[in-house]
């Protein structure tokens, strides 16, 4: 029994001595994520701020409805500032006209969106969910429409309309040429 006690005491003393000789334990750092501050992109946009759903890349001004339904967007060219400017759901944006060669608009999935393009630039508009209203300028405009009750006003432009619902309204009194493919 005594020899067992000696072994236990020796092991205990050895352990304590070893513990005193060790360097203090390093605390392991925990990883965490930090939010970055807001970035203002000064390459275009009103005051350098481009709202969500709006982008300009390779000449395409892309506008995507950020709400499921009820988005409102408009685009025009300011002849004084030479900017293509507009709003998406009340949020303004602007880009130099020399950088914009065409416009695309995609509605929210629930429909009932309104898009107005007062420029003469080519426009490709996609309407989902039905009940969308498109008013475009004098350029060539193409529409892909899903759902019923979509309305297209072409304002003298040449339009190509592809529908997947069949009960849509096209306003031929606006002039221009319309081709409808069902």
N, C-alpha and C. Protein backbone atom coordinates (compact mmCIF):
# COMPACT_ATOMS: atom_id res chain seq x y z
N UNK A 1 0.81 -1.17 0.00
CA UNK A 1 0.00 0.00 0.00
C UNK A 1 0.87 1.25 0.00
N UNK A 2 1.99 1.18 0.78
CA UNK A 2 2.87 2.33 0.83
C UNK A 2 3.45 2.63 -0.54
N UNK A 3 3.83 1.65 -1.27
CA UNK A 3 4.40 1.90 -2.58
C UNK A 3 3.37 2.51 -3.52
N UNK A 4 2.11 2.13 -3.37
CA UNK A 4 1.07 2.74 -4.18
C UNK A 4 0.91 4.21 -3.81
N UNK A 5 0.99 4.52 -2.50
CA UNK A 5 0.90 5.90 -2.05
C UNK A 5 2.05 6.72 -2.61
N UNK A 6 3.25 6.17 -2.61
CA UNK A 6 4.40 6.87 -3.14
C UNK A 6 4.23 7.17 -4.63
N UNK A 7 3.74 6.21 -5.33
CA UNK A 7 3.54 6.39 -6.78
C UNK A 7 2.51 7.50 -7.02
N UNK A 8 1.42 7.50 -6.28
CA UNK A 8 0.38 8.51 -6.44
C UNK A 8 0.93 9.88 -6.07
N UNK A 9 1.65 9.99 -4.93
CA UNK A 9 2.23 11.27 -4.54
C UNK A 9 3.24 11.77 -5.56
N UNK A 10 4.08 10.86 -6.07
CA UNK A 10 5.07 11.25 -7.07
C UNK A 10 4.38 11.75 -8.34
N UNK A 11 3.37 11.03 -8.76
CA UNK A 11 2.64 11.45 -9.96
C UNK A 11 1.98 12.80 -9.74
N UNK A 12 1.45 13.02 -8.55
CA UNK A 12 0.80 14.29 -8.25
C UNK A 12 1.82 15.42 -8.24
N UNK A 13 2.96 15.19 -7.58
CA UNK A 13 4.00 16.22 -7.53
C UNK A 13 4.57 16.49 -8.92
N UNK A 14 4.76 15.44 -9.70
CA UNK A 14 5.27 15.58 -11.05
C UNK A 14 4.30 16.40 -11.91
N UNK A 15 3.02 16.13 -11.76
CA UNK A 15 2.00 16.84 -12.51
C UNK A 15 1.98 18.31 -12.14
N UNK A 16 2.09 18.61 -10.83
CA UNK A 16 2.07 20.01 -10.40
C UNK A 16 3.33 20.74 -10.87
N UNK A 17 4.46 20.10 -10.82
CA UNK A 17 5.70 20.72 -11.27
C UNK A 17 5.64 20.96 -12.78
N UNK A 18 5.11 20.00 -13.49
CA UNK A 18 4.99 20.14 -14.95
C UNK A 18 4.04 21.29 -15.28
N UNK A 19 2.96 21.41 -14.50
CA UNK A 19 1.99 22.47 -14.73
C UNK A 19 2.61 23.85 -14.50
N UNK A 20 3.48 23.99 -13.46
CA UNK A 20 4.13 25.27 -13.17
C UNK A 20 5.12 25.64 -14.27
N UNK A 21 5.75 24.65 -14.90
CA UNK A 21 6.76 24.91 -15.93
C UNK A 21 6.14 25.28 -17.27
N UNK A 22 4.91 24.94 -17.47
CA UNK A 22 4.26 25.22 -18.76
C UNK A 22 3.97 26.70 -18.93
N UNK A 23 3.99 27.11 -20.17
CA UNK A 23 3.58 28.48 -20.49
C UNK A 23 2.06 28.57 -20.32
N UNK A 24 1.57 29.75 -20.00
CA UNK A 24 0.12 29.87 -19.85
C UNK A 24 -0.60 29.50 -21.16
N UNK A 25 -1.76 28.93 -21.00
CA UNK A 25 -2.54 28.50 -22.16
C UNK A 25 -2.96 29.69 -22.99
N UNK A 26 -2.86 29.52 -24.28
CA UNK A 26 -3.31 30.59 -25.16
C UNK A 26 -4.82 30.46 -25.35
N UNK A 27 -5.45 31.60 -25.37
CA UNK A 27 -6.89 31.62 -25.57
C UNK A 27 -7.16 31.51 -27.06
N UNK A 28 -8.04 30.59 -27.43
CA UNK A 28 -8.39 30.44 -28.84
C UNK A 28 -9.38 31.51 -29.23
N UNK A 29 -9.10 32.16 -30.32
CA UNK A 29 -9.97 33.22 -30.81
C UNK A 29 -11.19 32.62 -31.49
N UNK A 30 -12.32 33.21 -31.23
CA UNK A 30 -13.56 32.80 -31.87
C UNK A 30 -13.71 33.58 -33.17
N UNK A 31 -14.17 32.92 -34.22
CA UNK A 31 -14.44 33.61 -35.47
C UNK A 31 -15.80 34.27 -35.37
N UNK A 32 -15.90 35.46 -35.93
CA UNK A 32 -17.19 36.15 -35.97
C UNK A 32 -17.24 36.98 -37.24
N UNK A 33 -18.45 37.30 -37.66
CA UNK A 33 -18.66 38.10 -38.86
C UNK A 33 -19.04 39.51 -38.45
N UNK A 34 -18.54 40.47 -39.19
CA UNK A 34 -18.87 41.86 -38.94
C UNK A 34 -19.52 42.42 -40.19
N UNK A 35 -20.53 43.23 -40.02
CA UNK A 35 -21.18 43.88 -41.15
C UNK A 35 -20.27 44.99 -41.69
N UNK A 36 -20.21 45.09 -43.02
CA UNK A 36 -19.44 46.15 -43.63
C UNK A 36 -20.28 47.41 -43.70
N UNK A 37 -19.62 48.54 -43.75
CA UNK A 37 -20.37 49.78 -43.88
C UNK A 37 -20.96 49.88 -45.28
N UNK A 38 -21.96 50.75 -45.42
CA UNK A 38 -22.62 50.95 -46.70
C UNK A 38 -21.63 51.48 -47.72
N UNK A 39 -21.72 50.97 -48.95
CA UNK A 39 -20.85 51.44 -50.02
C UNK A 39 -21.66 52.20 -51.03
N UNK A 40 -21.21 53.36 -51.41
CA UNK A 40 -21.84 54.16 -52.46
C UNK A 40 -21.04 53.96 -53.73
N UNK A 41 -21.71 53.47 -54.79
CA UNK A 41 -21.05 53.26 -56.06
C UNK A 41 -21.15 54.55 -56.88
N UNK A 42 -20.03 55.18 -57.11
CA UNK A 42 -20.04 56.49 -57.74
C UNK A 42 -19.92 56.44 -59.25
N UNK A 43 -20.07 55.26 -59.86
CA UNK A 43 -19.95 55.15 -61.31
C UNK A 43 -21.25 55.49 -62.02
N UNK A 44 -22.28 55.79 -61.32
CA UNK A 44 -23.56 56.14 -61.93
C UNK A 44 -24.56 56.29 -60.82
N UNK A 45 -25.80 56.41 -61.19
CA UNK A 45 -26.85 56.51 -60.19
C UNK A 45 -26.97 57.91 -59.63
N UNK A 46 -28.12 58.20 -59.05
CA UNK A 46 -28.35 59.49 -58.44
C UNK A 46 -27.53 59.60 -57.18
N UNK A 47 -26.68 60.60 -57.12
CA UNK A 47 -25.80 60.83 -55.97
C UNK A 47 -24.99 59.58 -55.65
N UNK A 48 -24.71 58.75 -56.67
CA UNK A 48 -23.90 57.56 -56.48
C UNK A 48 -24.63 56.40 -55.84
N UNK A 49 -25.93 56.53 -55.59
CA UNK A 49 -26.67 55.45 -54.95
C UNK A 49 -27.57 54.77 -55.98
N UNK A 50 -27.44 53.48 -56.11
CA UNK A 50 -28.27 52.71 -57.03
C UNK A 50 -29.18 51.83 -56.18
N UNK A 51 -30.50 51.96 -56.35
CA UNK A 51 -31.40 51.18 -55.49
C UNK A 51 -31.36 49.68 -55.83
N UNK A 52 -31.74 48.83 -54.89
CA UNK A 52 -31.82 47.40 -55.17
C UNK A 52 -32.77 47.15 -56.34
N UNK A 53 -32.40 46.22 -57.21
CA UNK A 53 -33.21 45.89 -58.37
C UNK A 53 -32.80 46.64 -59.62
N UNK A 54 -31.83 47.56 -59.52
CA UNK A 54 -31.36 48.35 -60.67
C UNK A 54 -29.87 48.12 -60.85
N UNK A 55 -29.46 47.84 -62.09
CA UNK A 55 -28.03 47.69 -62.36
C UNK A 55 -27.74 48.10 -63.80
N UNK A 56 -26.50 48.44 -64.07
CA UNK A 56 -26.04 48.77 -65.41
C UNK A 56 -24.80 47.94 -65.67
N UNK A 57 -24.88 47.09 -66.69
CA UNK A 57 -23.74 46.24 -67.01
C UNK A 57 -23.68 46.01 -68.50
N UNK A 58 -22.54 46.29 -69.11
CA UNK A 58 -22.33 46.10 -70.54
C UNK A 58 -23.40 46.80 -71.38
N UNK A 59 -23.82 47.97 -70.98
CA UNK A 59 -24.79 48.76 -71.72
C UNK A 59 -26.24 48.46 -71.41
N UNK A 60 -26.50 47.38 -70.65
CA UNK A 60 -27.88 47.02 -70.30
C UNK A 60 -28.28 47.65 -68.97
N UNK A 61 -29.31 48.49 -69.03
CA UNK A 61 -29.93 48.99 -67.80
C UNK A 61 -30.97 47.96 -67.42
N UNK A 62 -30.71 47.23 -66.36
CA UNK A 62 -31.57 46.13 -65.92
C UNK A 62 -32.37 46.59 -64.70
N UNK A 63 -33.70 46.47 -64.82
CA UNK A 63 -34.59 46.84 -63.71
C UNK A 63 -35.41 45.62 -63.36
N UNK A 64 -35.34 45.18 -62.12
CA UNK A 64 -36.07 44.00 -61.66
C UNK A 64 -36.95 44.42 -60.49
N UNK A 65 -38.25 44.18 -60.62
CA UNK A 65 -39.17 44.50 -59.54
C UNK A 65 -38.80 43.75 -58.28
N UNK A 66 -38.60 44.47 -57.18
CA UNK A 66 -38.17 43.85 -55.93
C UNK A 66 -39.34 43.41 -55.06
N UNK A 67 -40.54 43.89 -55.38
CA UNK A 67 -41.73 43.47 -54.65
C UNK A 67 -42.39 42.32 -55.38
N UNK A 68 -43.15 41.49 -54.67
CA UNK A 68 -43.83 40.38 -55.34
C UNK A 68 -44.82 40.91 -56.37
N UNK A 69 -45.52 41.99 -56.07
CA UNK A 69 -46.43 42.62 -57.02
C UNK A 69 -46.53 44.10 -56.71
N UNK A 70 -47.05 44.85 -57.69
CA UNK A 70 -47.26 46.27 -57.48
C UNK A 70 -46.03 47.14 -57.65
N UNK A 71 -45.00 46.67 -58.34
CA UNK A 71 -43.82 47.49 -58.61
C UNK A 71 -44.18 48.58 -59.61
N UNK A 72 -43.56 49.74 -59.46
CA UNK A 72 -43.73 50.85 -60.39
C UNK A 72 -42.34 51.34 -60.79
N UNK A 73 -42.08 51.35 -62.10
CA UNK A 73 -40.78 51.81 -62.59
C UNK A 73 -40.98 52.68 -63.81
N UNK A 74 -40.11 53.68 -63.96
CA UNK A 74 -40.13 54.51 -65.16
C UNK A 74 -38.72 54.93 -65.51
N UNK A 75 -38.51 55.14 -66.81
CA UNK A 75 -37.19 55.52 -67.32
C UNK A 75 -37.38 56.59 -68.39
N UNK A 76 -36.52 57.60 -68.38
CA UNK A 76 -36.53 58.64 -69.40
C UNK A 76 -35.11 59.16 -69.58
N UNK A 77 -34.92 59.98 -70.62
CA UNK A 77 -33.62 60.60 -70.85
C UNK A 77 -33.76 62.09 -70.58
N UNK A 78 -32.92 62.62 -69.71
CA UNK A 78 -32.90 64.04 -69.41
C UNK A 78 -31.99 64.70 -70.45
N UNK A 79 -32.58 65.52 -71.32
CA UNK A 79 -31.82 66.13 -72.42
C UNK A 79 -30.84 67.20 -71.92
N UNK A 80 -31.03 67.73 -70.74
CA UNK A 80 -30.13 68.74 -70.19
C UNK A 80 -28.88 68.09 -69.59
N UNK A 81 -29.09 67.07 -68.76
CA UNK A 81 -27.96 66.42 -68.08
C UNK A 81 -27.39 65.24 -68.86
N UNK A 82 -28.08 64.83 -69.93
CA UNK A 82 -27.67 63.67 -70.73
C UNK A 82 -27.54 62.41 -69.87
N UNK A 83 -28.55 62.25 -69.02
CA UNK A 83 -28.60 61.09 -68.13
C UNK A 83 -29.86 60.29 -68.42
N UNK A 84 -29.74 58.97 -68.39
CA UNK A 84 -30.91 58.10 -68.37
C UNK A 84 -31.30 58.02 -66.90
N UNK A 85 -32.48 58.49 -66.59
CA UNK A 85 -32.89 58.56 -65.20
C UNK A 85 -34.25 57.90 -65.02
N UNK A 86 -34.52 57.52 -63.80
CA UNK A 86 -35.81 56.90 -63.53
C UNK A 86 -35.98 56.60 -62.05
N UNK A 87 -37.06 55.87 -61.78
CA UNK A 87 -37.33 55.44 -60.41
C UNK A 87 -37.80 54.00 -60.44
N UNK A 88 -37.55 53.31 -59.35
CA UNK A 88 -38.10 51.97 -59.10
C UNK A 88 -38.73 52.05 -57.72
N UNK A 89 -40.05 51.94 -57.69
CA UNK A 89 -40.81 52.03 -56.44
C UNK A 89 -40.44 53.29 -55.64
N UNK A 90 -40.30 54.41 -56.37
CA UNK A 90 -40.02 55.68 -55.72
C UNK A 90 -38.56 55.96 -55.45
N UNK A 91 -37.67 55.00 -55.70
CA UNK A 91 -36.23 55.18 -55.46
C UNK A 91 -35.56 55.62 -56.76
N UNK A 92 -34.96 56.83 -56.79
CA UNK A 92 -34.39 57.35 -58.03
C UNK A 92 -33.05 56.72 -58.39
N UNK A 93 -32.75 56.74 -59.69
CA UNK A 93 -31.44 56.31 -60.20
C UNK A 93 -31.17 57.10 -61.47
N UNK A 94 -29.90 57.19 -61.85
CA UNK A 94 -29.51 57.87 -63.08
C UNK A 94 -28.15 57.34 -63.52
N UNK A 95 -27.99 57.23 -64.85
CA UNK A 95 -26.73 56.79 -65.44
C UNK A 95 -26.45 57.66 -66.65
N UNK A 96 -25.19 57.88 -66.99
CA UNK A 96 -24.88 58.64 -68.20
C UNK A 96 -25.49 57.95 -69.43
N UNK A 97 -26.16 58.73 -70.28
CA UNK A 97 -26.84 58.18 -71.46
C UNK A 97 -25.85 57.45 -72.38
N UNK A 98 -24.60 57.89 -72.40
CA UNK A 98 -23.60 57.25 -73.26
C UNK A 98 -23.29 55.82 -72.83
N UNK A 99 -23.64 55.45 -71.59
CA UNK A 99 -23.35 54.10 -71.09
C UNK A 99 -24.53 53.14 -71.24
N UNK A 100 -25.72 53.65 -71.58
CA UNK A 100 -26.92 52.81 -71.66
C UNK A 100 -27.28 52.59 -73.13
N UNK A 101 -27.28 51.33 -73.58
CA UNK A 101 -27.63 51.02 -74.97
C UNK A 101 -29.00 50.35 -75.08
N UNK A 102 -29.46 49.70 -74.02
CA UNK A 102 -30.78 49.08 -74.03
C UNK A 102 -31.27 48.88 -72.61
N UNK A 103 -32.58 48.56 -72.48
CA UNK A 103 -33.21 48.48 -71.17
C UNK A 103 -33.95 47.16 -71.06
N UNK A 104 -33.86 46.52 -69.90
CA UNK A 104 -34.68 45.34 -69.63
C UNK A 104 -35.43 45.56 -68.33
N UNK A 105 -36.67 45.06 -68.32
CA UNK A 105 -37.49 45.16 -67.11
C UNK A 105 -38.12 43.80 -66.85
N UNK A 106 -38.09 43.35 -65.59
CA UNK A 106 -38.73 42.11 -65.19
C UNK A 106 -39.62 42.40 -63.98
N UNK A 107 -40.91 42.06 -64.13
CA UNK A 107 -41.86 42.36 -63.06
C UNK A 107 -41.72 41.37 -61.91
N UNK A 108 -42.40 41.69 -60.81
CA UNK A 108 -42.48 40.75 -59.69
C UNK A 108 -43.36 39.57 -60.08
N UNK A 109 -43.24 38.47 -59.38
CA UNK A 109 -43.96 37.25 -59.74
C UNK A 109 -45.46 37.35 -59.56
N UNK A 110 -45.93 38.28 -58.75
CA UNK A 110 -47.36 38.41 -58.50
C UNK A 110 -48.09 39.31 -59.48
N UNK A 111 -47.35 39.97 -60.39
CA UNK A 111 -47.97 40.83 -61.39
C UNK A 111 -48.40 42.17 -60.86
N UNK A 112 -49.29 42.82 -61.63
CA UNK A 112 -49.84 44.15 -61.30
C UNK A 112 -48.75 45.21 -61.17
N UNK A 113 -47.72 45.10 -62.03
CA UNK A 113 -46.63 46.07 -62.06
C UNK A 113 -46.90 47.09 -63.17
N UNK A 114 -46.25 48.25 -63.09
CA UNK A 114 -46.32 49.28 -64.11
C UNK A 114 -44.91 49.68 -64.50
N UNK A 115 -44.65 49.64 -65.82
CA UNK A 115 -43.34 50.05 -66.32
C UNK A 115 -43.54 51.02 -67.47
N UNK A 116 -42.84 52.15 -67.41
CA UNK A 116 -42.92 53.16 -68.46
C UNK A 116 -41.51 53.50 -68.93
N UNK A 117 -41.29 53.38 -70.25
CA UNK A 117 -40.00 53.68 -70.86
C UNK A 117 -40.23 54.80 -71.86
N UNK A 118 -39.82 56.01 -71.53
CA UNK A 118 -40.02 57.17 -72.40
C UNK A 118 -38.81 57.44 -73.28
N UNK A 119 -37.89 56.50 -73.37
CA UNK A 119 -36.71 56.68 -74.21
C UNK A 119 -36.98 56.06 -75.58
N UNK A 120 -36.07 56.24 -76.49
CA UNK A 120 -36.15 55.57 -77.79
C UNK A 120 -35.27 54.34 -77.83
N UNK A 121 -34.79 53.90 -76.66
CA UNK A 121 -33.88 52.75 -76.58
C UNK A 121 -34.66 51.43 -76.67
N UNK A 122 -34.01 50.42 -77.23
CA UNK A 122 -34.60 49.07 -77.27
C UNK A 122 -34.93 48.63 -75.86
N UNK A 123 -36.07 47.96 -75.73
CA UNK A 123 -36.50 47.50 -74.41
C UNK A 123 -37.01 46.07 -74.50
N UNK A 124 -36.60 45.24 -73.58
CA UNK A 124 -37.12 43.88 -73.43
C UNK A 124 -37.80 43.81 -72.08
N UNK A 125 -39.12 43.61 -72.09
CA UNK A 125 -39.90 43.64 -70.86
C UNK A 125 -40.55 42.28 -70.62
N UNK A 126 -40.42 41.77 -69.40
CA UNK A 126 -41.01 40.50 -69.03
C UNK A 126 -41.99 40.75 -67.90
N UNK A 127 -43.25 40.34 -68.11
CA UNK A 127 -44.28 40.53 -67.10
C UNK A 127 -44.80 39.20 -66.60
N UNK A 128 -44.74 38.99 -65.30
CA UNK A 128 -45.23 37.76 -64.66
C UNK A 128 -46.53 38.04 -63.92
N UNK A 129 -47.35 37.04 -63.78
CA UNK A 129 -48.51 37.10 -62.90
C UNK A 129 -49.73 37.79 -63.45
N UNK A 130 -49.64 38.47 -64.58
CA UNK A 130 -50.80 39.14 -65.16
C UNK A 130 -51.06 40.50 -64.53
N UNK A 131 -51.90 41.27 -65.23
CA UNK A 131 -52.29 42.58 -64.72
C UNK A 131 -51.21 43.64 -64.80
N UNK A 132 -50.15 43.40 -65.58
CA UNK A 132 -49.06 44.36 -65.71
C UNK A 132 -49.41 45.38 -66.81
N UNK A 133 -48.87 46.59 -66.68
CA UNK A 133 -49.06 47.63 -67.69
C UNK A 133 -47.69 48.12 -68.15
N UNK A 134 -47.48 48.07 -69.47
CA UNK A 134 -46.22 48.52 -70.07
C UNK A 134 -46.49 49.67 -71.01
N UNK A 135 -45.75 50.76 -70.88
CA UNK A 135 -45.83 51.89 -71.79
C UNK A 135 -44.41 52.18 -72.24
N UNK A 136 -44.18 52.02 -73.55
CA UNK A 136 -42.82 52.19 -74.05
C UNK A 136 -42.73 53.28 -75.09
N UNK A 137 -41.50 53.72 -75.34
CA UNK A 137 -41.22 54.81 -76.26
C UNK A 137 -41.25 54.39 -77.71
N UNK A 138 -40.58 55.18 -78.53
CA UNK A 138 -40.64 55.01 -79.98
C UNK A 138 -39.67 53.97 -80.52
N UNK A 139 -38.88 53.37 -79.69
CA UNK A 139 -37.92 52.37 -80.14
C UNK A 139 -38.58 51.01 -80.35
N UNK A 140 -37.75 50.03 -80.62
CA UNK A 140 -38.23 48.65 -80.75
C UNK A 140 -38.37 48.08 -79.34
N UNK A 141 -39.52 47.47 -79.09
CA UNK A 141 -39.79 46.92 -77.77
C UNK A 141 -40.26 45.49 -77.91
N UNK A 142 -39.76 44.61 -77.06
CA UNK A 142 -40.19 43.22 -77.05
C UNK A 142 -40.76 42.91 -75.68
N UNK A 143 -41.85 42.14 -75.67
CA UNK A 143 -42.55 41.80 -74.44
C UNK A 143 -42.71 40.29 -74.35
N UNK A 144 -42.51 39.76 -73.18
CA UNK A 144 -42.84 38.38 -72.87
C UNK A 144 -43.80 38.45 -71.70
N UNK A 145 -45.04 38.04 -71.92
CA UNK A 145 -46.09 38.25 -70.93
C UNK A 145 -46.65 36.91 -70.44
N UNK A 146 -46.71 36.74 -69.14
CA UNK A 146 -47.29 35.56 -68.50
C UNK A 146 -48.52 36.01 -67.72
N UNK A 147 -49.56 35.21 -67.75
CA UNK A 147 -50.78 35.57 -67.05
C UNK A 147 -51.68 36.40 -67.93
N UNK A 148 -52.89 36.65 -67.49
CA UNK A 148 -53.88 37.39 -68.26
C UNK A 148 -53.96 38.83 -67.80
N UNK A 149 -54.57 39.65 -68.66
CA UNK A 149 -54.87 41.03 -68.28
C UNK A 149 -53.70 41.98 -68.35
N UNK A 150 -52.64 41.65 -69.08
CA UNK A 150 -51.53 42.58 -69.28
C UNK A 150 -51.93 43.61 -70.33
N UNK A 151 -51.42 44.83 -70.21
CA UNK A 151 -51.73 45.90 -71.16
C UNK A 151 -50.43 46.48 -71.70
N UNK A 152 -50.38 46.66 -73.03
CA UNK A 152 -49.21 47.21 -73.69
C UNK A 152 -49.61 48.45 -74.48
N UNK A 153 -48.95 49.58 -74.22
CA UNK A 153 -49.09 50.82 -75.00
C UNK A 153 -47.74 51.04 -75.67
N UNK A 154 -47.72 51.14 -77.02
CA UNK A 154 -46.41 51.19 -77.67
C UNK A 154 -45.97 52.58 -78.10
N UNK A 155 -46.79 53.60 -78.07
CA UNK A 155 -46.40 54.98 -78.37
C UNK A 155 -45.59 55.14 -79.64
N UNK A 156 -45.97 54.42 -80.68
CA UNK A 156 -45.33 54.58 -81.98
C UNK A 156 -44.12 53.70 -82.21
N UNK A 157 -43.77 52.87 -81.24
CA UNK A 157 -42.63 51.98 -81.41
C UNK A 157 -43.03 50.74 -82.19
N UNK A 158 -42.05 49.93 -82.53
CA UNK A 158 -42.30 48.65 -83.18
C UNK A 158 -42.20 47.58 -82.11
N UNK A 159 -43.27 46.81 -81.94
CA UNK A 159 -43.34 45.88 -80.82
C UNK A 159 -43.47 44.44 -81.28
N UNK A 160 -42.83 43.55 -80.53
CA UNK A 160 -43.01 42.11 -80.67
C UNK A 160 -43.52 41.63 -79.32
N UNK A 161 -44.67 40.95 -79.34
CA UNK A 161 -45.29 40.53 -78.09
C UNK A 161 -45.44 39.01 -78.09
N UNK A 162 -44.90 38.37 -77.07
CA UNK A 162 -45.06 36.93 -76.85
C UNK A 162 -45.92 36.77 -75.61
N UNK A 163 -47.05 36.07 -75.73
CA UNK A 163 -47.93 35.94 -74.58
C UNK A 163 -48.09 34.48 -74.20
N UNK A 164 -48.33 34.27 -72.93
CA UNK A 164 -48.60 32.95 -72.40
C UNK A 164 -49.79 33.08 -71.45
N UNK A 165 -50.87 33.57 -71.95
CA UNK A 165 -52.07 33.76 -71.15
C UNK A 165 -53.24 34.04 -72.08
N UNK A 166 -52.94 34.80 -73.12
CA UNK A 166 -53.92 34.99 -74.17
C UNK A 166 -54.89 36.12 -74.00
N UNK A 167 -55.22 36.53 -72.80
CA UNK A 167 -56.22 37.58 -72.61
C UNK A 167 -55.53 38.87 -72.20
N UNK A 168 -54.76 39.41 -73.12
CA UNK A 168 -54.01 40.63 -72.87
C UNK A 168 -54.53 41.75 -73.76
N UNK A 169 -54.20 42.99 -73.43
CA UNK A 169 -54.69 44.16 -74.16
C UNK A 169 -53.53 44.87 -74.85
N UNK A 170 -53.63 45.01 -76.16
CA UNK A 170 -52.63 45.73 -76.93
C UNK A 170 -53.31 46.93 -77.55
N UNK A 171 -52.70 48.08 -77.43
CA UNK A 171 -53.32 49.32 -77.88
C UNK A 171 -52.81 49.70 -79.26
N UNK A 172 -53.47 49.25 -80.36
CA UNK A 172 -52.99 49.56 -81.71
C UNK A 172 -53.19 51.02 -82.06
N UNK A 173 -54.03 51.76 -81.33
CA UNK A 173 -54.26 53.17 -81.62
C UNK A 173 -53.00 54.01 -81.36
N UNK A 174 -52.03 53.44 -80.64
CA UNK A 174 -50.81 54.17 -80.34
C UNK A 174 -49.88 54.25 -81.55
N UNK A 175 -50.20 53.56 -82.63
CA UNK A 175 -49.34 53.55 -83.81
C UNK A 175 -48.27 52.49 -83.71
N UNK A 176 -47.35 52.49 -84.64
CA UNK A 176 -46.29 51.51 -84.64
C UNK A 176 -46.76 50.19 -85.22
N UNK A 177 -45.94 49.20 -85.10
CA UNK A 177 -46.23 47.88 -85.64
C UNK A 177 -46.24 46.89 -84.50
N UNK A 178 -47.26 46.03 -84.50
CA UNK A 178 -47.34 45.00 -83.46
C UNK A 178 -47.39 43.63 -84.10
N UNK A 179 -46.59 42.73 -83.57
CA UNK A 179 -46.63 41.34 -83.97
C UNK A 179 -46.90 40.55 -82.71
N UNK A 180 -47.98 39.75 -82.72
CA UNK A 180 -48.32 38.96 -81.53
C UNK A 180 -48.15 37.48 -81.86
N UNK A 181 -47.39 36.81 -81.04
CA UNK A 181 -47.18 35.38 -81.19
C UNK A 181 -47.69 34.71 -79.95
N UNK A 182 -48.67 33.84 -80.10
CA UNK A 182 -49.27 33.18 -78.93
C UNK A 182 -48.61 31.84 -78.68
